[in-house]
Every structure is written in C-alpha cells, then in structure tokens.
Amino acid sequence: MATTAKKTTTAKPAAKKTATAKPVAKKTATAKPVAKKTTAAKPAAKKTEITVNGNKKVDTLRMEFNKIFPYLSICICYPAAKTDFDRLGICYEVQRWHTIGDVRRVDYKGDVSISGNKKIKTLQKEFEDKLGLFVKVCYRETQDCRYPVSASQEEYTLAAFNALCEKRGCIKDAWK
C-alpha cells in the first residue's frame, strides 16, 4: 500500500504544473499578433504632401501629383511659355526626364511644397517665384485633351478642385 500512495502524490504536482503552464502560453500567443497589426497599419498611410526641389525629376513630380490628385495633372513649362499660353492657349511642357534643377530659370530660392489645402494660384505663383517655371494645373473632361484651370477656378484649393472634377465626371488623368 505504501507504494501506491507514493505514486498518487507524485502525479498530483505534475498535473498542477501543466495546468498553470497552458494559460501563460495563451497570453503570450495573443499579445504578439496585436503588435504586428499596429506596425503593419502605419506604412499604409497615404502621402498627402509633395516637396519639390532641384533634384526631383519632372516625371516623378507628375506621378506623385497624380497619385494624390487623380483628377488633376500638373503641366510644367519654361517661363517663356507663359506668353505663348496667354496668346495662344498652348503650353509647351518641359521634357519629362529632366530634373527641376536642369530646367529652372532662377537661382535656388527654396523648395515648393504641394498639399491639398494650397490654392491653385498660390501653387502656380510659388513655382514661378522660387523655381522660375511656368506651371498650370489641368483637368480632363474628355480623353482627347486637357483643359487648364481658368482664372476663376484658381481660387479653389487643390483638394477641393479635385473633388469638384470627380463630382463633374471628369476623367482620371493617369500619368504613365
């Protein structure tokens, strides 16, 4: 009988150790996926501001602008194109493989920042003053041509005008 009692007493402490070990494992297993979810959500934030300096390529600027404002496009031209635009309504754009520093016509006077709360006329003026480039914001109502923003529409912010173009049924100007 003494041997049976010894077997019973050794079995009970082993059962207690197993019971306490399981809940600890569950707590650590549930804590790890929560941490992974919060770190994965941060990179998904949409970029809402573009900084333009002399090193940025014209093509890159157009693509970034179009990602934030899909119903708008930005036409970057030499300052001499402003007189042609005023007379003829034509804007001869800068070649897309150039950098802003290659084509600007004034010395470096700072970066231009593009955000949704900036008025269109302010953006165009900053490009002219700081970089010496003539810029027009355009939109597309048909697949055939782009229309530059008129003087009365320049009072809109970029985000508001993009929303207006979406509401009016304009075509997304996907930059390729």
N, C-alpha and C. Protein backbone atom coordinates (compact mmCIF):
# COMPACT_ATOMS: atom_id res chain seq x y z
N MET A 1 0.81 -1.19 0.00
CA MET A 1 0.00 0.00 0.00
C MET A 1 0.85 1.25 0.00
N ALA A 2 1.96 1.17 0.59
CA ALA A 2 2.80 2.35 0.66
C ALA A 2 3.27 2.74 -0.73
N THR A 3 3.47 1.84 -1.57
CA THR A 3 3.90 2.15 -2.92
C THR A 3 2.82 2.84 -3.73
N THR A 4 1.59 2.51 -3.49
CA THR A 4 0.50 3.14 -4.21
C THR A 4 0.34 4.60 -3.80
N ALA A 5 0.57 4.86 -2.53
CA ALA A 5 0.42 6.23 -2.05
C ALA A 5 1.50 7.12 -2.64
N LYS A 6 2.67 6.59 -2.80
CA LYS A 6 3.74 7.39 -3.39
C LYS A 6 3.42 7.76 -4.84
N LYS A 7 2.84 6.86 -5.56
CA LYS A 7 2.51 7.13 -6.96
C LYS A 7 1.45 8.21 -7.06
N THR A 8 0.49 8.22 -6.21
CA THR A 8 -0.57 9.20 -6.23
C THR A 8 -0.03 10.60 -5.91
N THR A 9 0.83 10.70 -4.95
CA THR A 9 1.34 12.01 -4.57
C THR A 9 2.25 12.59 -5.65
N THR A 10 2.96 11.82 -6.36
CA THR A 10 3.82 12.35 -7.41
C THR A 10 3.01 12.77 -8.64
N ALA A 11 1.87 12.19 -8.84
CA ALA A 11 1.06 12.54 -10.01
C ALA A 11 0.36 13.88 -9.84
N LYS A 12 -0.04 14.21 -8.63
CA LYS A 12 -0.77 15.45 -8.41
C LYS A 12 0.06 16.70 -8.69
N PRO A 13 1.27 16.83 -8.21
CA PRO A 13 2.03 18.05 -8.52
C PRO A 13 2.30 18.19 -10.02
N ALA A 14 2.45 17.13 -10.72
CA ALA A 14 2.68 17.23 -12.16
C ALA A 14 1.45 17.79 -12.87
N ALA A 15 0.29 17.46 -12.42
CA ALA A 15 -0.93 17.98 -13.02
C ALA A 15 -1.06 19.47 -12.76
N LYS A 16 -0.64 19.93 -11.61
CA LYS A 16 -0.71 21.36 -11.30
C LYS A 16 0.22 22.16 -12.19
N LYS A 17 1.40 21.65 -12.43
CA LYS A 17 2.36 22.35 -13.28
C LYS A 17 1.83 22.48 -14.71
N THR A 18 1.20 21.48 -15.22
CA THR A 18 0.66 21.50 -16.57
C THR A 18 -0.49 22.50 -16.67
N ALA A 19 -1.31 22.57 -15.66
CA ALA A 19 -2.46 23.48 -15.69
C ALA A 19 -2.02 24.94 -15.67
N THR A 20 -0.97 25.27 -14.96
CA THR A 20 -0.53 26.65 -14.90
C THR A 20 0.29 27.03 -16.13
N ALA A 21 0.90 26.11 -16.79
CA ALA A 21 1.73 26.41 -17.94
C ALA A 21 0.88 26.76 -19.17
N LYS A 22 -0.28 26.20 -19.32
CA LYS A 22 -1.10 26.45 -20.51
C LYS A 22 -1.61 27.89 -20.59
N PRO A 23 -2.19 28.47 -19.54
CA PRO A 23 -2.67 29.84 -19.67
C PRO A 23 -1.55 30.84 -19.97
N VAL A 24 -0.37 30.64 -19.48
CA VAL A 24 0.75 31.53 -19.75
C VAL A 24 1.07 31.51 -21.24
N ALA A 25 1.04 30.37 -21.84
CA ALA A 25 1.32 30.25 -23.26
C ALA A 25 0.26 30.95 -24.08
N LYS A 26 -0.99 30.90 -23.65
CA LYS A 26 -2.06 31.57 -24.39
C LYS A 26 -1.91 33.08 -24.34
N LYS A 27 -1.51 33.63 -23.22
CA LYS A 27 -1.36 35.08 -23.10
C LYS A 27 -0.25 35.59 -24.00
N THR A 28 0.85 34.93 -24.07
CA THR A 28 1.93 35.39 -24.93
C THR A 28 1.60 35.21 -26.40
N ALA A 29 0.83 34.22 -26.74
CA ALA A 29 0.47 34.00 -28.13
C ALA A 29 -0.49 35.07 -28.62
N THR A 30 -1.36 35.57 -27.80
CA THR A 30 -2.31 36.59 -28.24
C THR A 30 -1.68 37.97 -28.26
N ALA A 31 -0.65 38.21 -27.49
CA ALA A 31 -0.03 39.53 -27.45
C ALA A 31 0.79 39.81 -28.69
N LYS A 32 1.43 38.82 -29.28
CA LYS A 32 2.29 39.03 -30.43
C LYS A 32 1.54 39.47 -31.69
N PRO A 33 0.42 38.86 -32.09
CA PRO A 33 -0.26 39.32 -33.29
C PRO A 33 -0.79 40.75 -33.18
N VAL A 34 -1.15 41.21 -32.01
CA VAL A 34 -1.63 42.58 -31.84
C VAL A 34 -0.52 43.56 -32.19
N ALA A 35 0.69 43.28 -31.76
CA ALA A 35 1.81 44.16 -32.06
C ALA A 35 2.09 44.18 -33.56
N LYS A 36 1.95 43.06 -34.24
CA LYS A 36 2.19 43.02 -35.67
C LYS A 36 1.14 43.82 -36.44
N LYS A 37 -0.09 43.80 -35.99
CA LYS A 37 -1.14 44.54 -36.69
C LYS A 37 -0.91 46.04 -36.62
N THR A 38 -0.46 46.56 -35.50
CA THR A 38 -0.25 48.00 -35.39
C THR A 38 0.92 48.46 -36.21
N THR A 39 1.98 47.68 -36.32
CA THR A 39 3.11 48.09 -37.13
C THR A 39 2.80 47.98 -38.62
N ALA A 40 1.95 47.07 -39.01
CA ALA A 40 1.61 46.91 -40.42
C ALA A 40 0.68 48.01 -40.90
N ALA A 41 -0.08 48.63 -40.03
CA ALA A 41 -1.02 49.66 -40.44
C ALA A 41 -0.34 51.00 -40.70
N LYS A 42 0.80 51.27 -40.10
CA LYS A 42 1.46 52.56 -40.26
C LYS A 42 1.94 52.83 -41.68
N PRO A 43 2.60 51.92 -42.40
CA PRO A 43 3.06 52.23 -43.74
C PRO A 43 1.93 52.45 -44.75
N ALA A 44 0.71 52.05 -44.44
CA ALA A 44 -0.39 52.19 -45.38
C ALA A 44 -0.94 53.62 -45.45
N ALA A 45 -0.41 54.55 -44.66
CA ALA A 45 -0.90 55.92 -44.68
C ALA A 45 -0.59 56.57 -46.03
N LYS A 46 -1.54 57.30 -46.55
CA LYS A 46 -1.40 57.92 -47.86
C LYS A 46 -0.59 59.21 -47.74
N LYS A 47 0.33 59.40 -48.65
CA LYS A 47 1.15 60.59 -48.67
C LYS A 47 0.31 61.75 -49.19
N THR A 48 0.30 62.85 -48.44
CA THR A 48 -0.57 63.96 -48.83
C THR A 48 0.21 65.24 -49.13
N GLU A 49 1.51 65.20 -49.09
CA GLU A 49 2.30 66.38 -49.38
C GLU A 49 3.50 66.00 -50.23
N ILE A 50 3.83 66.86 -51.19
CA ILE A 50 4.97 66.65 -52.07
C ILE A 50 5.90 67.83 -51.89
N THR A 51 7.19 67.57 -51.75
CA THR A 51 8.18 68.63 -51.69
C THR A 51 8.95 68.62 -53.00
N VAL A 52 9.05 69.78 -53.62
CA VAL A 52 9.72 69.90 -54.91
C VAL A 52 11.01 70.68 -54.71
N ASN A 53 12.12 70.05 -55.06
CA ASN A 53 13.41 70.74 -55.04
C ASN A 53 14.11 70.47 -56.37
N GLY A 54 15.33 70.94 -56.51
CA GLY A 54 16.04 70.82 -57.78
C GLY A 54 16.40 69.41 -58.18
N ASN A 55 16.41 68.47 -57.24
CA ASN A 55 16.80 67.09 -57.56
C ASN A 55 15.66 66.23 -58.07
N LYS A 56 14.44 66.69 -57.94
CA LYS A 56 13.28 65.87 -58.33
C LYS A 56 13.11 65.88 -59.85
N LYS A 57 12.87 64.70 -60.41
CA LYS A 57 12.63 64.62 -61.85
C LYS A 57 11.21 65.09 -62.16
N VAL A 58 11.04 65.67 -63.32
CA VAL A 58 9.73 66.16 -63.76
C VAL A 58 8.74 65.01 -63.82
N ASP A 59 9.16 63.88 -64.33
CA ASP A 59 8.30 62.70 -64.45
C ASP A 59 7.85 62.21 -63.06
N THR A 60 8.76 62.19 -62.11
CA THR A 60 8.43 61.76 -60.74
C THR A 60 7.43 62.72 -60.11
N LEU A 61 7.63 64.00 -60.31
CA LEU A 61 6.70 65.00 -59.77
C LEU A 61 5.31 64.82 -60.33
N ARG A 62 5.21 64.59 -61.61
CA ARG A 62 3.90 64.38 -62.24
C ARG A 62 3.20 63.14 -61.70
N MET A 63 3.95 62.06 -61.52
CA MET A 63 3.36 60.83 -60.99
C MET A 63 2.90 61.01 -59.55
N GLU A 64 3.72 61.64 -58.71
CA GLU A 64 3.34 61.87 -57.31
C GLU A 64 2.12 62.78 -57.22
N PHE A 65 2.09 63.82 -58.04
CA PHE A 65 0.96 64.75 -58.05
C PHE A 65 -0.33 64.02 -58.44
N ASN A 66 -0.20 63.16 -59.44
CA ASN A 66 -1.37 62.43 -59.94
C ASN A 66 -1.87 61.38 -58.96
N LYS A 67 -1.00 60.83 -58.12
CA LYS A 67 -1.44 59.87 -57.11
C LYS A 67 -2.28 60.55 -56.05
N ILE A 68 -1.92 61.77 -55.68
CA ILE A 68 -2.67 62.49 -54.64
C ILE A 68 -3.93 63.12 -55.21
N PHE A 69 -3.82 63.68 -56.41
CA PHE A 69 -4.96 64.35 -57.06
C PHE A 69 -5.23 63.64 -58.40
N PRO A 70 -5.98 62.54 -58.38
CA PRO A 70 -6.13 61.72 -59.59
C PRO A 70 -6.90 62.40 -60.73
N TYR A 71 -7.70 63.39 -60.44
CA TYR A 71 -8.47 64.05 -61.50
C TYR A 71 -7.76 65.30 -62.03
N LEU A 72 -6.56 65.57 -61.55
CA LEU A 72 -5.80 66.73 -61.98
C LEU A 72 -4.45 66.30 -62.52
N SER A 73 -3.84 67.17 -63.30
CA SER A 73 -2.46 66.95 -63.74
C SER A 73 -1.73 68.28 -63.64
N ILE A 74 -0.42 68.20 -63.59
CA ILE A 74 0.39 69.41 -63.49
C ILE A 74 1.24 69.51 -64.74
N CYS A 75 1.17 70.66 -65.42
CA CYS A 75 1.95 70.91 -66.64
C CYS A 75 3.08 71.86 -66.26
N ILE A 76 4.31 71.44 -66.45
CA ILE A 76 5.48 72.24 -66.08
C ILE A 76 6.12 72.74 -67.36
N CYS A 77 6.23 74.07 -67.47
CA CYS A 77 6.73 74.70 -68.69
C CYS A 77 7.82 75.71 -68.36
N TYR A 78 8.59 76.10 -69.39
CA TYR A 78 9.57 77.17 -69.24
C TYR A 78 8.84 78.50 -69.07
N PRO A 79 9.46 79.50 -68.46
CA PRO A 79 8.80 80.80 -68.28
C PRO A 79 8.37 81.46 -69.59
N ALA A 80 9.11 81.24 -70.65
CA ALA A 80 8.75 81.83 -71.95
C ALA A 80 7.42 81.29 -72.46
N ALA A 81 7.02 80.13 -72.00
CA ALA A 81 5.75 79.54 -72.42
C ALA A 81 4.55 80.31 -71.88
N LYS A 82 4.77 81.15 -70.88
CA LYS A 82 3.67 81.93 -70.31
C LYS A 82 3.10 82.89 -71.34
N THR A 83 3.94 83.53 -72.13
CA THR A 83 3.44 84.45 -73.16
C THR A 83 2.71 83.67 -74.26
N ASP A 84 3.23 82.49 -74.62
CA ASP A 84 2.54 81.66 -75.61
C ASP A 84 1.19 81.21 -75.09
N PHE A 85 1.14 80.89 -73.80
CA PHE A 85 -0.12 80.46 -73.21
C PHE A 85 -1.13 81.60 -73.19
N ASP A 86 -0.68 82.79 -72.85
CA ASP A 86 -1.58 83.94 -72.82
C ASP A 86 -2.11 84.28 -74.22
N ARG A 87 -1.26 84.16 -75.24
CA ARG A 87 -1.67 84.49 -76.61
C ARG A 87 -2.45 83.36 -77.28
N LEU A 88 -1.92 82.14 -77.18
CA LEU A 88 -2.45 81.02 -77.96
C LEU A 88 -3.17 79.95 -77.13
N GLY A 89 -2.97 79.96 -75.84
CA GLY A 89 -3.56 78.92 -75.00
C GLY A 89 -2.81 77.60 -75.07
N ILE A 90 -1.55 77.66 -75.50
CA ILE A 90 -0.73 76.46 -75.65
C ILE A 90 0.40 76.52 -74.63
N CYS A 91 0.67 75.39 -74.01
CA CYS A 91 1.76 75.30 -73.03
C CYS A 91 2.72 74.22 -73.48
N TYR A 92 3.93 74.61 -73.90
CA TYR A 92 4.94 73.64 -74.29
C TYR A 92 5.65 73.17 -73.03
N GLU A 93 5.47 71.90 -72.73
CA GLU A 93 5.97 71.36 -71.47
C GLU A 93 7.45 71.00 -71.53
N VAL A 94 8.06 71.00 -70.35
CA VAL A 94 9.44 70.58 -70.18
C VAL A 94 9.52 69.07 -70.40
N GLN A 95 10.64 68.61 -70.94
CA GLN A 95 10.81 67.17 -71.15
C GLN A 95 10.79 66.43 -69.83
N ARG A 96 10.18 65.28 -69.80
CA ARG A 96 9.90 64.58 -68.56
C ARG A 96 11.12 63.95 -67.90
N TRP A 97 12.21 63.72 -68.60
CA TRP A 97 13.39 63.08 -68.00
C TRP A 97 14.32 64.07 -67.31
N HIS A 98 14.06 65.37 -67.46
CA HIS A 98 14.89 66.40 -66.81
C HIS A 98 14.57 66.47 -65.32
N THR A 99 15.51 67.00 -64.57
CA THR A 99 15.24 67.32 -63.18
C THR A 99 14.78 68.78 -63.12
N ILE A 100 14.17 69.15 -62.03
CA ILE A 100 13.73 70.55 -61.86
C ILE A 100 14.93 71.48 -61.90
N GLY A 101 16.05 71.05 -61.31
CA GLY A 101 17.27 71.86 -61.32
C GLY A 101 17.81 72.10 -62.72
N ASP A 102 17.61 71.17 -63.63
CA ASP A 102 18.08 71.32 -65.01
C ASP A 102 17.30 72.39 -65.77
N VAL A 103 16.02 72.54 -65.47
CA VAL A 103 15.17 73.40 -66.28
C VAL A 103 14.75 74.70 -65.61
N ARG A 104 14.98 74.84 -64.31
CA ARG A 104 14.54 76.08 -63.65
C ARG A 104 15.34 77.27 -64.16
N ARG A 105 14.74 78.44 -64.07
CA ARG A 105 15.34 79.64 -64.65
C ARG A 105 15.79 80.67 -63.62
N VAL A 106 15.70 80.37 -62.35
CA VAL A 106 16.19 81.28 -61.32
C VAL A 106 17.10 80.49 -60.38
N ASP A 107 17.92 81.22 -59.61
CA ASP A 107 18.74 80.56 -58.61
C ASP A 107 17.84 79.97 -57.54
N TYR A 108 18.39 79.03 -56.81
CA TYR A 108 17.63 78.33 -55.78
C TYR A 108 17.11 79.31 -54.73
N LYS A 109 15.79 79.35 -54.58
CA LYS A 109 15.15 80.23 -53.60
C LYS A 109 14.29 79.43 -52.63
N GLY A 110 14.47 78.14 -52.58
CA GLY A 110 13.71 77.31 -51.65
C GLY A 110 12.91 76.23 -52.35
N ASP A 111 12.35 75.35 -51.55
CA ASP A 111 11.53 74.26 -52.05
C ASP A 111 10.08 74.71 -52.18
N VAL A 112 9.36 74.04 -53.05
CA VAL A 112 7.93 74.26 -53.19
C VAL A 112 7.23 73.04 -52.60
N SER A 113 6.27 73.30 -51.74
CA SER A 113 5.51 72.19 -51.15
C SER A 113 4.11 72.19 -51.74
N ILE A 114 3.66 70.99 -52.11
CA ILE A 114 2.33 70.82 -52.70
C ILE A 114 1.48 70.02 -51.73
N SER A 115 0.38 70.61 -51.30
CA SER A 115 -0.55 69.91 -50.41
C SER A 115 -1.98 70.24 -50.83
N GLY A 116 -2.92 69.49 -50.33
CA GLY A 116 -4.32 69.63 -50.73
C GLY A 116 -4.95 70.94 -50.31
N ASN A 117 -4.46 71.58 -49.25
CA ASN A 117 -5.08 72.82 -48.79
C ASN A 117 -4.46 74.06 -49.42
N LYS A 118 -3.58 73.90 -50.40
CA LYS A 118 -2.97 75.04 -51.08
C LYS A 118 -3.82 75.45 -52.27
N LYS A 119 -4.03 76.75 -52.43
CA LYS A 119 -4.80 77.25 -53.57
C LYS A 119 -3.99 77.04 -54.85
N ILE A 120 -4.71 76.84 -55.94
CA ILE A 120 -4.07 76.59 -57.23
C ILE A 120 -3.22 77.79 -57.65
N LYS A 121 -3.74 79.00 -57.48
CA LYS A 121 -2.98 80.19 -57.90
C LYS A 121 -1.72 80.36 -57.05
N THR A 122 -1.78 79.98 -55.77
CA THR A 122 -0.60 80.06 -54.90
C THR A 122 0.47 79.08 -55.35
N LEU A 123 0.06 77.89 -55.71
CA LEU A 123 1.00 76.88 -56.19
C LEU A 123 1.69 77.37 -57.46
N GLN A 124 0.93 77.88 -58.40
CA GLN A 124 1.49 78.34 -59.66
C GLN A 124 2.45 79.52 -59.43
N LYS A 125 2.11 80.41 -58.52
CA LYS A 125 2.97 81.56 -58.21
C LYS A 125 4.26 81.11 -57.52
N GLU A 126 4.19 80.15 -56.62
CA GLU A 126 5.39 79.65 -55.94
C GLU A 126 6.35 79.01 -56.93
N PHE A 127 5.84 78.26 -57.89
CA PHE A 127 6.71 77.66 -58.90
C PHE A 127 7.41 78.75 -59.71
N GLU A 128 6.69 79.80 -60.03
CA GLU A 128 7.27 80.88 -60.82
C GLU A 128 8.30 81.66 -60.02
N ASP A 129 7.99 81.97 -58.76
CA ASP A 129 8.89 82.79 -57.94
C ASP A 129 10.13 82.01 -57.47
N LYS A 130 9.94 80.80 -56.98
CA LYS A 130 11.04 80.05 -56.39
C LYS A 130 11.86 79.25 -57.39
N LEU A 131 11.23 78.76 -58.46
CA LEU A 131 11.93 77.90 -59.40
C LEU A 131 12.02 78.48 -60.81
N GLY A 132 11.30 79.55 -61.08
CA GLY A 132 11.34 80.15 -62.41
C GLY A 132 10.68 79.30 -63.47
N LEU A 133 9.65 78.56 -63.10
CA LEU A 133 8.94 77.69 -64.04
C LEU A 133 7.48 78.10 -64.11
N PHE A 134 6.92 78.03 -65.30
CA PHE A 134 5.50 78.29 -65.51
C PHE A 134 4.76 76.97 -65.35
N VAL A 135 3.80 76.96 -64.43
CA VAL A 135 3.06 75.73 -64.12
C VAL A 135 1.58 75.99 -64.26
N LYS A 136 0.88 75.05 -64.88
CA LYS A 136 -0.58 75.11 -64.97
C LYS A 136 -1.15 73.79 -64.46
N VAL A 137 -2.18 73.90 -63.65
CA VAL A 137 -2.92 72.72 -63.20
C VAL A 137 -4.02 72.48 -64.23
N CYS A 138 -4.15 71.26 -64.69
CA CYS A 138 -5.12 70.93 -65.74
C CYS A 138 -6.04 69.80 -65.28
N TYR A 139 -7.13 69.64 -66.04
CA TYR A 139 -8.06 68.54 -65.80
C TYR A 139 -8.54 68.03 -67.14
N ARG A 140 -9.16 66.86 -67.15
CA ARG A 140 -9.61 66.21 -68.37
C ARG A 140 -11.10 65.92 -68.31
N GLU A 141 -11.85 66.49 -69.24
CA GLU A 141 -13.28 66.17 -69.35
C GLU A 141 -13.51 65.12 -70.43
N THR A 142 -12.64 65.10 -71.42
CA THR A 142 -12.68 64.08 -72.47
C THR A 142 -11.31 63.44 -72.57
N GLN A 143 -11.23 62.34 -73.27
CA GLN A 143 -9.96 61.64 -73.41
C GLN A 143 -9.00 62.38 -74.33
N ASP A 144 -9.51 63.26 -75.17
CA ASP A 144 -8.70 63.89 -76.20
C ASP A 144 -7.77 64.99 -75.71
N CYS A 145 -8.23 65.83 -74.79
CA CYS A 145 -7.38 66.95 -74.41
C CYS A 145 -7.55 67.33 -72.94
N ARG A 146 -6.53 68.04 -72.44
CA ARG A 146 -6.55 68.57 -71.08
C ARG A 146 -6.94 70.04 -71.13
N TYR A 147 -7.68 70.47 -70.12
CA TYR A 147 -8.08 71.86 -70.02
C TYR A 147 -7.35 72.50 -68.85
N PRO A 148 -6.71 73.64 -69.07
CA PRO A 148 -6.06 74.31 -67.94
C PRO A 148 -7.12 74.95 -67.04
N VAL A 149 -6.79 75.07 -65.77
CA VAL A 149 -7.70 75.69 -64.82
C VAL A 149 -7.81 77.17 -65.16
N SER A 150 -9.04 77.67 -65.22
CA SER A 150 -9.25 79.08 -65.57
C SER A 150 -8.94 79.98 -64.38
N ALA A 151 -8.92 81.28 -64.62
CA ALA A 151 -8.59 82.25 -63.57
C ALA A 151 -9.59 82.20 -62.41
N SER A 152 -10.85 81.99 -62.70
CA SER A 152 -11.84 81.93 -61.62
C SER A 152 -11.72 80.63 -60.82
N GLN A 153 -11.25 79.56 -61.45
CA GLN A 153 -11.09 78.28 -60.77
C GLN A 153 -9.81 78.21 -59.94
N GLU A 154 -8.89 79.15 -60.14
CA GLU A 154 -7.63 79.16 -59.41
C GLU A 154 -7.81 79.49 -57.93
N GLU A 155 -8.99 79.95 -57.54
CA GLU A 155 -9.27 80.26 -56.14
C GLU A 155 -9.55 78.99 -55.32
N TYR A 156 -9.80 77.88 -55.98
CA TYR A 156 -10.03 76.61 -55.30
C TYR A 156 -8.72 76.07 -54.73
N THR A 157 -8.84 75.28 -53.67
CA THR A 157 -7.68 74.52 -53.22
C THR A 157 -7.55 73.30 -54.13
N LEU A 158 -6.39 72.69 -54.11
CA LEU A 158 -6.17 71.51 -54.96
C LEU A 158 -7.12 70.37 -54.61
N ALA A 159 -7.32 70.13 -53.32
CA ALA A 159 -8.21 69.05 -52.90
C ALA A 159 -9.66 69.34 -53.28
N ALA A 160 -10.09 70.59 -53.11
CA ALA A 160 -11.47 70.96 -53.44
C ALA A 160 -11.71 70.87 -54.95
N PHE A 161 -10.74 71.31 -55.74
CA PHE A 161 -10.92 71.26 -57.19
C PHE A 161 -10.87 69.81 -57.70
N ASN A 162 -10.04 68.99 -57.08
CA ASN A 162 -10.01 67.57 -57.44
C ASN A 162 -11.36 66.92 -57.14
N ALA A 163 -11.95 67.24 -56.00
CA ALA A 163 -13.27 66.70 -55.64
C ALA A 163 -14.35 67.22 -56.60
N LEU A 164 -14.24 68.48 -57.00
CA LEU A 164 -15.20 69.05 -57.96
C LEU A 164 -15.10 68.35 -59.30
N CYS A 165 -13.89 68.08 -59.76
CA CYS A 165 -13.70 67.37 -61.03
C CYS A 165 -14.26 65.95 -60.95
N GLU A 166 -14.09 65.30 -59.81
CA GLU A 166 -14.65 63.97 -59.63
C GLU A 166 -16.17 64.02 -59.68
N LYS A 167 -16.75 65.00 -59.04
CA LYS A 167 -18.21 65.15 -59.00
C LYS A 167 -18.77 65.45 -60.39
N ARG A 168 -18.04 66.24 -61.18
CA ARG A 168 -18.49 66.60 -62.52
C ARG A 168 -18.30 65.47 -63.53
N GLY A 169 -17.63 64.40 -63.13
CA GLY A 169 -17.46 63.27 -64.03
C GLY A 169 -16.23 63.38 -64.93
N CYS A 170 -15.23 64.14 -64.49
CA CYS A 170 -14.00 64.23 -65.26
C CYS A 170 -13.27 62.90 -65.26
N ILE A 171 -12.37 62.75 -66.20
CA ILE A 171 -11.61 61.52 -66.36
C ILE A 171 -10.36 61.59 -65.51
N LYS A 172 -10.04 60.48 -64.87
CA LYS A 172 -8.78 60.43 -64.12
C LYS A 172 -7.64 60.57 -65.10
N ASP A 173 -6.70 61.42 -64.75
CA ASP A 173 -5.57 61.69 -65.63
C ASP A 173 -4.39 60.84 -65.20
N ALA A 174 -4.44 59.56 -65.50
CA ALA A 174 -3.39 58.64 -65.08
C ALA A 174 -2.10 58.95 -65.82
N TRP A 175 -1.08 59.30 -65.05
CA TRP A 175 0.21 59.60 -65.65
C TRP A 175 0.95 58.30 -65.91
N LYS A 176 1.47 58.17 -67.10
CA LYS A 176 2.17 56.94 -67.48
C LYS A 176 3.63 57.24 -67.72
